[in-house]
Amino acid sequence: MLVQRGTMRIIDGMHRVQAARLRGELLIEVQFFDGDDEASFLRSVKANIAHGLPLSWQDREAAAERFIRAYPQWSDRAVAAAGISAKSARSVRQRATGDGQHLDARVGLDGRVRGRCCG
């Protein structure tokens, strides 16, 4: 189970907690995550996509929109970590910002900055 240390909010493992409660367990082992709310949300989405119940299309689009608002410098491929295609991420960006939030440079999945930078 993954827990955001600052808030003690469960990031991943809510069903395991419920199962432990049903078994009468009082303790459960956790791994702490040190990050802000946006970083915690990103981890929860990635964990859910990897092994949780599938997110609905609406949930994935909502996650992508939240990523775009929190990290406008991310490339469409990076936003696609929400479980959508880069093309869909571009559409979500255009809907969310009205103009596609044109930036001269974007940060890719590998952390490298692409595009024009620094004048």
C-alpha atoms as a PDB file:
ATOM      1  CA  MET A   1       0.000   0.000   0.000  1.00  0.00           C
ATOM      2  CA  LEU A   2       1.274   3.457  -0.881  1.00  0.00           C
ATOM      3  CA  VAL A   3       0.461   6.415   1.405  1.00  0.00           C
ATOM      4  CA  GLN A   4       1.214  10.124   0.966  1.00  0.00           C
ATOM      5  CA  ARG A   5       3.252  10.884   4.064  1.00  0.00           C
ATOM      6  CA  GLY A   6       2.172  14.516   4.528  1.00  0.00           C
ATOM      7  CA  THR A   7      -1.566  13.809   4.470  1.00  0.00           C
ATOM      8  CA  MET A   8      -1.649  10.064   5.290  1.00  0.00           C
ATOM      9  CA  ARG A   9      -3.905   9.727   2.230  1.00  0.00           C
ATOM     10  CA  ILE A  10      -3.911   6.320   0.560  1.00  0.00           C
ATOM     11  CA  ILE A  11      -2.509   6.652  -2.964  1.00  0.00           C
ATOM     12  CA  ASP A  12      -2.685   2.976  -3.879  1.00  0.00           C
ATOM     13  CA  GLY A  13      -4.171   0.074  -1.956  1.00  0.00           C
ATOM     14  CA  MET A  14      -7.617   1.137  -0.767  1.00  0.00           C
ATOM     15  CA  HIS A  15      -9.077  -2.280  -1.606  1.00  0.00           C
ATOM     16  CA  ARG A  16      -6.273  -3.992   0.355  1.00  0.00           C
ATOM     17  CA  VAL A  17      -7.142  -1.837   3.376  1.00  0.00           C
ATOM     18  CA  GLN A  18     -10.809  -2.804   3.095  1.00  0.00           C
ATOM     19  CA  ALA A  19      -9.896  -6.484   2.797  1.00  0.00           C
ATOM     20  CA  ALA A  20      -7.614  -6.249   5.847  1.00  0.00           C
ATOM     21  CA  ARG A  21     -10.424  -4.639   7.844  1.00  0.00           C
ATOM     22  CA  LEU A  22     -12.817  -7.421   6.849  1.00  0.00           C
ATOM     23  CA  ARG A  23     -10.258  -9.957   8.085  1.00  0.00           C
ATOM     24  CA  GLY A  24     -10.046  -8.077  11.387  1.00  0.00           C
ATOM     25  CA  GLU A  25      -6.449  -6.975  10.910  1.00  0.00           C
ATOM     26  CA  LEU A  26      -5.399  -3.911  12.878  1.00  0.00           C
ATOM     27  CA  LEU A  27      -2.095  -3.213  11.117  1.00  0.00           C
ATOM     28  CA  ILE A  28      -1.095  -3.112   7.476  1.00  0.00           C
ATOM     29  CA  GLU A  29       2.355  -2.495   6.011  1.00  0.00           C
ATOM     30  CA  VAL A  30       2.684   0.711   4.002  1.00  0.00           C
ATOM     31  CA  GLN A  31       5.234   2.447   1.837  1.00  0.00           C
ATOM     32  CA  PHE A  32       5.336   6.216   2.243  1.00  0.00           C
ATOM     33  CA  PHE A  33       5.442   8.635  -0.673  1.00  0.00           C
ATOM     34  CA  ASP A  34       6.865  12.117  -0.186  1.00  0.00           C
ATOM     35  CA  GLY A  35       5.250  14.384  -2.745  1.00  0.00           C
ATOM     36  CA  ASP A  36       2.634  17.064  -3.173  1.00  0.00           C
ATOM     37  CA  ASP A  37      -0.997  16.375  -4.059  1.00  0.00           C
ATOM     38  CA  GLU A  38      -0.385  16.524  -7.817  1.00  0.00           C
ATOM     39  CA  ALA A  39       2.546  14.110  -7.675  1.00  0.00           C
ATOM     40  CA  SER A  40       0.461  11.798  -5.475  1.00  0.00           C
ATOM     41  CA  PHE A  41      -2.413  11.938  -7.952  1.00  0.00           C
ATOM     42  CA  LEU A  42      -0.032  11.058 -10.783  1.00  0.00           C
ATOM     43  CA  ARG A  43       1.260   8.047  -8.824  1.00  0.00           C
ATOM     44  CA  SER A  44      -2.284   6.887  -8.064  1.00  0.00           C
ATOM     45  CA  VAL A  45      -3.334   7.055 -11.722  1.00  0.00           C
ATOM     46  CA  LYS A  46      -0.213   5.196 -12.879  1.00  0.00           C
ATOM     47  CA  ALA A  47      -0.708   2.527 -10.196  1.00  0.00           C
ATOM     48  CA  ASN A  48      -4.359   2.094 -11.116  1.00  0.00           C
ATOM     49  CA  ILE A  49      -3.541   1.748 -14.801  1.00  0.00           C
ATOM     50  CA  ALA A  50      -0.825  -0.800 -14.005  1.00  0.00           C
ATOM     51  CA  HIS A  51      -2.808  -3.162 -11.805  1.00  0.00           C
ATOM     52  CA  GLY A  52      -6.072  -1.700 -10.580  1.00  0.00           C
ATOM     53  CA  LEU A  53      -9.576  -1.727 -11.896  1.00  0.00           C
ATOM     54  CA  PRO A  54      -9.668  -0.108 -15.330  1.00  0.00           C
ATOM     55  CA  LEU A  55     -10.408   3.606 -15.317  1.00  0.00           C
ATOM     56  CA  SER A  56     -13.393   4.723 -17.347  1.00  0.00           C
ATOM     57  CA  TRP A  57     -12.768   6.912 -20.388  1.00  0.00           C
ATOM     58  CA  GLN A  58     -14.172   9.882 -18.461  1.00  0.00           C
ATOM     59  CA  ASP A  59     -11.812   9.186 -15.542  1.00  0.00           C
ATOM     60  CA  ARG A  60      -8.812   8.986 -17.887  1.00  0.00           C
ATOM     61  CA  GLU A  61      -9.765  12.239 -19.633  1.00  0.00           C
ATOM     62  CA  ALA A  62     -10.286  13.953 -16.267  1.00  0.00           C
ATOM     63  CA  ALA A  63      -6.866  12.726 -15.113  1.00  0.00           C
ATOM     64  CA  ALA A  64      -5.268  13.994 -18.336  1.00  0.00           C
ATOM     65  CA  GLU A  65      -6.906  17.393 -17.853  1.00  0.00           C
ATOM     66  CA  ARG A  66      -5.621  17.573 -14.285  1.00  0.00           C
ATOM     67  CA  PHE A  67      -2.106  16.681 -15.498  1.00  0.00           C
ATOM     68  CA  ILE A  68      -2.301  19.440 -18.144  1.00  0.00           C
ATOM     69  CA  ARG A  69      -3.392  22.031 -15.589  1.00  0.00           C
ATOM     70  CA  ALA A  70      -0.732  20.969 -13.071  1.00  0.00           C
ATOM     71  CA  TYR A  71       2.082  20.434 -15.598  1.00  0.00           C
ATOM     72  CA  PRO A  72       1.366  22.590 -18.692  1.00  0.00           C
ATOM     73  CA  GLN A  73       4.934  22.066 -19.884  1.00  0.00           C
ATOM     74  CA  TRP A  74       4.418  18.298 -20.310  1.00  0.00           C
ATOM     75  CA  SER A  75       4.299  16.913 -23.815  1.00  0.00           C
ATOM     76  CA  ASP A  76       1.134  15.220 -25.065  1.00  0.00           C
ATOM     77  CA  ARG A  77       2.922  11.870 -24.767  1.00  0.00           C
ATOM     78  CA  ALA A  78       3.753  12.585 -21.120  1.00  0.00           C
ATOM     79  CA  VAL A  79       0.118  13.534 -20.422  1.00  0.00           C
ATOM     80  CA  ALA A  80      -0.884  10.244 -22.049  1.00  0.00           C
ATOM     81  CA  ALA A  81       0.320   8.546 -18.844  1.00  0.00           C
ATOM     82  CA  ALA A  82      -3.321   8.997 -17.822  1.00  0.00           C
ATOM     83  CA  GLY A  83      -4.088   6.023 -20.051  1.00  0.00           C
ATOM     84  CA  ILE A  84      -4.999   7.829 -23.254  1.00  0.00           C
ATOM     85  CA  SER A  85      -3.217   8.336 -26.566  1.00  0.00           C
ATOM     86  CA  ALA A  86      -1.048  11.372 -27.261  1.00  0.00           C
ATOM     87  CA  LYS A  87      -3.605  12.429 -29.880  1.00  0.00           C
ATOM     88  CA  SER A  88      -6.362  12.293 -27.256  1.00  0.00           C
ATOM     89  CA  ALA A  89      -4.131  14.223 -24.832  1.00  0.00           C
ATOM     90  CA  ARG A  90      -3.786  16.944 -27.470  1.00  0.00           C
ATOM     91  CA  SER A  91      -7.597  17.078 -27.828  1.00  0.00           C
ATOM     92  CA  VAL A  92      -8.035  17.277 -24.049  1.00  0.00           C
ATOM     93  CA  ARG A  93      -5.428  20.079 -23.925  1.00  0.00           C
ATOM     94  CA  GLN A  94      -7.277  22.041 -26.619  1.00  0.00           C
ATOM     95  CA  ARG A  95     -10.619  21.609 -24.844  1.00  0.00           C
ATOM     96  CA  ALA A  96      -9.174  22.450 -21.426  1.00  0.00           C
ATOM     97  CA  THR A  97      -7.233  25.526 -22.476  1.00  0.00           C
ATOM     98  CA  GLY A  98      -9.171  26.724 -25.503  1.00  0.00           C
ATOM     99  CA  ASP A  99      -6.048  27.111 -27.606  1.00  0.00           C
ATOM    100  CA  GLY A 100      -4.003  24.019 -26.939  1.00  0.00           C
ATOM    101  CA  GLN A 101      -1.777  25.982 -24.561  1.00  0.00           C
ATOM    102  CA  HIS A 102       0.906  26.628 -27.142  1.00  0.00           C
ATOM    103  CA  LEU A 103       4.363  26.579 -25.601  1.00  0.00           C
ATOM    104  CA  ASP A 104       7.637  26.923 -27.453  1.00  0.00           C
ATOM    105  CA  ALA A 105       9.063  23.935 -25.587  1.00  0.00           C
ATOM    106  CA  ARG A 106       7.632  20.871 -23.852  1.00  0.00           C
ATOM    107  CA  VAL A 107       9.077  18.278 -21.495  1.00  0.00           C
ATOM    108  CA  GLY A 108       8.917  14.735 -22.848  1.00  0.00           C
ATOM    109  CA  LEU A 109       8.582  11.388 -21.108  1.00  0.00           C
ATOM    110  CA  ASP A 110      12.356  11.165 -20.849  1.00  0.00           C
ATOM    111  CA  GLY A 111      12.563  14.534 -19.078  1.00  0.00           C
ATOM    112  CA  ARG A 112      14.236  16.241 -22.035  1.00  0.00           C
ATOM    113  CA  VAL A 113      13.013  19.630 -23.229  1.00  0.00           C
ATOM    114  CA  ARG A 114      12.067  19.758 -26.888  1.00  0.00           C
ATOM    115  CA  GLY A 115      11.223  22.752 -29.019  1.00  0.00           C
ATOM    116  CA  ARG A 116      12.531  26.258 -29.018  1.00  0.00           C
ATOM    117  CA  CYS A 117      13.978  27.373 -25.749  1.00  0.00           C
ATOM    118  CA  CYS A 118      15.445  30.498 -24.374  1.00  0.00           C
ATOM    119  CA  GLY A 119      14.845  32.932 -27.230  1.00  0.00           C
END
